[in-house]
Amino acid sequence: MIQRIQSIYLLVATIAMTLISFKVPVYTLNEKLFMAQDDTKMFVLTIVGALLAFIGLFMFKNRKFQMKLIRLAVLIEMVIGVRLFMVFKEFEVSLNVNCIILLVFALVALIMAYRGVKKDDDLVRSVDRIR
């Protein structure tokens, strides 16, 4: 249902995570760019995060499940951030600014989508209470 703003937020988060997975270099080590595809754990996490956001896009009829998917996607985003920090500390690499910006952008979009779904759920509950 594209009329809801949270659907746009989920689509933006899906696109950002897909770009991190396939197009944007994650970090640089010894003048060599490393993509998420070069790090298996990072690649799996970004793909799973993108899939959860994409599946959440179509779960608009089941708001409780949609909120759970979004919370799980936010958790995966945070795990990706922790993983990047660990790689940064362990190997003394330089992180790509575009990757960090997309990661933050996706995280903010997921949080905004969660707020929109929660607002819809609260509205439906308040109307049910009146009946």
Protein backbone atom coordinates (compact mmCIF):
# COMPACT_ATOMS: atom_id res chain seq x y z
CA MET A 1 0.00 0.00 0.00
CA ILE A 2 2.04 2.90 -1.32
CA GLN A 3 -0.24 5.59 0.14
CA ARG A 4 1.23 5.14 3.60
CA ILE A 5 4.40 7.11 4.35
CA GLN A 6 5.91 4.16 6.21
CA SER A 7 5.83 2.19 2.95
CA ILE A 8 8.05 4.85 1.40
CA TYR A 9 10.38 4.67 4.40
CA LEU A 10 10.62 0.89 4.11
CA LEU A 11 11.33 1.17 0.39
CA VAL A 12 14.09 3.71 1.06
CA ALA A 13 15.62 1.43 3.71
CA THR A 14 15.49 -1.51 1.29
CA ILE A 15 17.22 0.48 -1.45
CA ALA A 16 19.89 1.77 0.94
CA MET A 17 20.68 -1.72 2.23
CA THR A 18 20.78 -3.12 -1.30
CA LEU A 19 23.21 -0.39 -2.34
CA ILE A 20 25.43 -1.24 0.61
CA SER A 21 25.28 -4.91 -0.39
CA PHE A 22 26.20 -4.53 -4.03
CA LYS A 23 27.43 -1.07 -5.08
CA VAL A 24 29.09 0.88 -2.27
CA PRO A 25 32.55 -0.09 -0.94
CA VAL A 26 32.45 -0.69 2.79
CA TYR A 27 36.07 -0.03 3.75
CA THR A 28 39.56 0.47 2.37
CA LEU A 29 42.61 -1.57 3.41
CA ASN A 30 46.02 -0.95 1.84
CA GLU A 31 44.53 1.14 -0.98
CA LYS A 32 42.14 -1.70 -1.92
CA LEU A 33 38.39 -1.19 -1.75
CA PHE A 34 36.39 -3.92 -0.06
CA MET A 35 32.73 -4.44 -0.87
CA ALA A 36 30.18 -6.13 1.39
CA GLN A 37 30.39 -9.11 -0.95
CA ASP A 38 34.04 -9.64 0.06
CA ASP A 39 33.03 -10.09 3.71
CA THR A 40 30.53 -12.95 3.90
CA LYS A 41 29.06 -11.99 7.28
CA MET A 42 28.58 -8.38 6.21
CA PHE A 43 27.00 -9.46 2.94
CA VAL A 44 24.56 -11.82 4.64
CA LEU A 45 23.61 -9.19 7.22
CA THR A 46 22.96 -6.51 4.60
CA ILE A 47 20.90 -8.87 2.43
CA VAL A 48 18.84 -10.06 5.40
CA GLY A 49 18.27 -6.45 6.49
CA ALA A 50 17.13 -5.49 3.00
CA LEU A 51 14.85 -8.54 2.77
CA LEU A 52 13.24 -7.83 6.14
CA ALA A 53 12.51 -4.24 5.15
CA PHE A 54 11.15 -5.39 1.78
CA ILE A 55 8.94 -8.07 3.32
CA GLY A 56 7.75 -5.54 5.89
CA LEU A 57 6.65 -3.34 3.01
CA PHE A 58 4.00 -5.90 2.02
CA MET A 59 2.83 -6.80 5.54
CA PHE A 60 0.59 -3.74 5.84
CA LYS A 61 -2.46 -5.83 6.70
CA ASN A 62 -0.71 -7.36 9.72
CA ARG A 63 0.67 -4.38 11.62
CA LYS A 64 1.97 -6.38 14.61
CA PHE A 65 4.06 -8.62 12.36
CA GLN A 66 5.19 -5.59 10.35
CA MET A 67 6.42 -3.91 13.55
CA LYS A 68 8.32 -7.07 14.53
CA LEU A 69 10.00 -7.21 11.12
CA ILE A 70 11.00 -3.57 11.36
CA ARG A 71 12.41 -4.04 14.88
CA LEU A 72 14.42 -7.02 13.65
CA ALA A 73 15.71 -5.00 10.69
CA VAL A 74 16.78 -2.22 13.10
CA LEU A 75 18.59 -4.80 15.22
CA ILE A 76 20.39 -6.10 12.13
CA GLU A 77 21.36 -2.53 11.20
CA MET A 78 22.89 -2.12 14.64
CA VAL A 79 24.75 -5.42 14.30
CA ILE A 80 26.14 -4.19 10.97
CA GLY A 81 27.33 -1.02 12.70
CA VAL A 82 29.01 -3.02 15.46
CA ARG A 83 30.61 -5.29 12.85
CA LEU A 84 31.98 -2.28 10.98
CA PHE A 85 33.36 -0.87 14.23
CA MET A 86 35.04 -4.21 15.04
CA VAL A 87 36.63 -4.39 11.57
CA PHE A 88 37.76 -0.78 11.96
CA LYS A 89 39.40 -1.49 15.33
CA GLU A 90 40.90 -4.86 14.37
CA PHE A 91 42.44 -4.08 10.99
CA GLU A 92 42.91 -0.30 11.20
CA VAL A 93 40.96 0.20 7.99
CA SER A 94 39.38 3.41 6.78
CA LEU A 95 35.60 3.16 6.55
CA ASN A 96 33.85 4.50 3.48
CA VAL A 97 31.80 7.59 4.27
CA ASN A 98 29.12 6.70 1.70
CA CYS A 99 28.55 3.35 3.39
CA ILE A 100 28.17 4.97 6.80
CA ILE A 101 25.78 7.59 5.40
CA LEU A 102 23.64 4.91 3.73
CA LEU A 103 23.66 2.83 6.90
CA VAL A 104 22.48 5.77 9.01
CA PHE A 105 19.95 6.73 6.33
CA ALA A 106 18.50 3.19 6.34
CA LEU A 107 18.40 3.14 10.14
CA VAL A 108 16.55 6.46 10.30
CA ALA A 109 14.13 5.29 7.58
CA LEU A 110 13.40 2.10 9.53
CA ILE A 111 12.79 4.03 12.74
CA MET A 112 10.46 6.44 10.94
CA ALA A 113 8.61 3.50 9.36
CA TYR A 114 8.20 1.91 12.78
CA ARG A 115 6.79 5.14 14.16
CA GLY A 116 4.31 5.33 11.26
CA VAL A 117 3.13 1.75 11.72
CA LYS A 118 2.82 2.29 15.47
CA LYS A 119 0.76 5.44 14.87
CA ASP A 120 -1.56 3.51 12.52
CA ASP A 121 -1.93 0.72 15.06
CA ASP A 122 -2.73 3.19 17.84
CA LEU A 123 -5.31 4.89 15.63
CA VAL A 124 -7.05 1.58 14.86
CA ARG A 125 -7.05 0.65 18.55
CA SER A 126 -8.56 3.98 19.55
CA VAL A 127 -11.35 3.58 16.99
CA ASP A 128 -12.03 0.02 18.20
CA ARG A 129 -12.28 1.29 21.77
CA ILE A 130 -15.01 3.75 20.81
CA ARG A 131 -17.22 1.00 19.35
